[in-house]
C-alpha atoms as a PDB file:
ATOM      1  CA  MET A   1     164.198  93.957  46.650  1.00  0.00           C
ATOM      2  CA  ILE A   2     165.365  97.342  47.950  1.00  0.00           C
ATOM      3  CA  GLU A   3     163.007 100.314  47.539  1.00  0.00           C
ATOM      4  CA  TYR A   4     163.338 104.020  48.304  1.00  0.00           C
ATOM      5  CA  THR A   5     161.174 107.123  47.796  1.00  0.00           C
ATOM      6  CA  SER A   6     162.891 110.507  47.835  1.00  0.00           C
ATOM      7  CA  GLU A   7     161.511 113.837  48.999  1.00  0.00           C
ATOM      8  CA  ASN A   8     162.047 114.985  45.376  1.00  0.00           C
ATOM      9  CA  GLY A   9     159.138 112.757  44.269  1.00  0.00           C
ATOM     10  CA  TYR A  10     161.201 110.076  42.534  1.00  0.00           C
ATOM     11  CA  SER A  11     161.413 106.496  43.765  1.00  0.00           C
ATOM     12  CA  GLY A  12     163.630 103.593  42.901  1.00  0.00           C
ATOM     13  CA  LYS A  13     163.898  99.829  43.187  1.00  0.00           C
ATOM     14  CA  LEU A  14     166.841  97.462  43.062  1.00  0.00           C
ATOM     15  CA  TYR A  15     165.817  93.914  42.222  1.00  0.00           C
ATOM     16  CA  GLY A  16     167.148  90.729  40.769  1.00  0.00           C
ATOM     17  CA  GLU A  17     170.893  90.446  40.378  1.00  0.00           C
ATOM     18  CA  SER A  18     171.407  93.706  38.499  1.00  0.00           C
ATOM     19  CA  SER A  19     168.138  95.502  37.693  1.00  0.00           C
ATOM     20  CA  MET A  20     167.172  99.007  38.789  1.00  0.00           C
ATOM     21  CA  SER A  21     164.073 101.059  38.021  1.00  0.00           C
ATOM     22  CA  ILE A  22     163.427 104.726  38.790  1.00  0.00           C
ATOM     23  CA  TYR A  23     159.908 106.169  38.790  1.00  0.00           C
ATOM     24  CA  ASN A  24     158.635 109.751  38.665  1.00  0.00           C
ATOM     25  CA  LYS A  25     156.139 111.180  41.159  1.00  0.00           C
ATOM     26  CA  ASP A  26     153.251 109.838  39.045  1.00  0.00           C
ATOM     27  CA  GLY A  27     154.618 106.291  39.332  1.00  0.00           C
ATOM     28  CA  LYS A  28     155.724 106.146  35.685  1.00  0.00           C
ATOM     29  CA  GLU A  29     158.985 104.295  35.117  1.00  0.00           C
ATOM     30  CA  VAL A  30     161.440 106.820  33.697  1.00  0.00           C
ATOM     31  CA  MET A  31     164.578 104.671  33.789  1.00  0.00           C
ATOM     32  CA  HIS A  32     165.262 100.961  33.762  1.00  0.00           C
ATOM     33  CA  THR A  33     168.578  99.216  33.601  1.00  0.00           C
ATOM     34  CA  GLY A  34     169.651  95.593  33.714  1.00  0.00           C
ATOM     35  CA  SER A  35     173.157  96.647  34.718  1.00  0.00           C
ATOM     36  CA  ARG A  36     173.614  98.805  37.779  1.00  0.00           C
ATOM     37  CA  LYS A  37     176.244 100.160  40.124  1.00  0.00           C
ATOM     38  CA  PRO A  38     173.987 100.801  43.152  1.00  0.00           C
ATOM     39  CA  ASN A  39     173.676  97.668  45.276  1.00  0.00           C
ATOM     40  CA  THR A  40     172.766  99.050  48.706  1.00  0.00           C
ATOM     41  CA  LEU A  41     169.995 101.244  50.071  1.00  0.00           C
ATOM     42  CA  GLU A  42     172.464 104.094  50.596  1.00  0.00           C
ATOM     43  CA  GLU A  43     173.645 103.880  46.961  1.00  0.00           C
ATOM     44  CA  LEU A  44     170.035 103.759  45.741  1.00  0.00           C
ATOM     45  CA  LYS A  45     169.216 106.845  47.839  1.00  0.00           C
ATOM     46  CA  GLU A  46     172.095 108.725  46.208  1.00  0.00           C
ATOM     47  CA  ALA A  47     170.964 107.716  42.705  1.00  0.00           C
ATOM     48  CA  VAL A  48     167.306 108.652  43.295  1.00  0.00           C
ATOM     49  CA  ASP A  49     168.072 111.886  45.158  1.00  0.00           C
ATOM     50  CA  SER A  50     170.327 113.068  42.325  1.00  0.00           C
ATOM     51  CA  PHE A  51     168.028 111.899  39.513  1.00  0.00           C
ATOM     52  CA  PRO A  52     166.420 115.336  38.840  1.00  0.00           C
ATOM     53  CA  ALA A  53     169.890 116.786  38.133  1.00  0.00           C
ATOM     54  CA  PHE A  54     170.624 113.841  35.832  1.00  0.00           C
ATOM     55  CA  MET A  55     167.377 114.451  33.924  1.00  0.00           C
ATOM     56  CA  ALA A  56     168.150 118.174  33.625  1.00  0.00           C
ATOM     57  CA  MET A  57     171.560 117.329  32.164  1.00  0.00           C
ATOM     58  CA  ILE A  58     170.012 114.907  29.648  1.00  0.00           C
ATOM     59  CA  GLU A  59     167.344 117.419  28.655  1.00  0.00           C
ATOM     60  CA  GLY A  60     170.039 120.062  28.132  1.00  0.00           C
ATOM     61  CA  ILE A  61     172.029 117.978  25.660  1.00  0.00           C
ATOM     62  CA  GLY A  62     171.600 119.453  22.205  1.00  0.00           C
ATOM     63  CA  ALA A  63     169.568 122.388  23.492  1.00  0.00           C
ATOM     64  CA  GLU A  64     172.350 124.832  22.758  1.00  0.00           C
END
């Protein structure tokens, strides 16, 4: 298992052959996938560090 906690408050885990979970600062899982692209700690760091921007984009869909 590979784990990482970002300064932005989100954390992530890579586990199994293809699973990834991302958690908010309260420890609540906010994303889970059984198919992932990140496979290294560096790739997980990039995904977790950019997760707030991803969430902002998702929240903005349909808001216009």
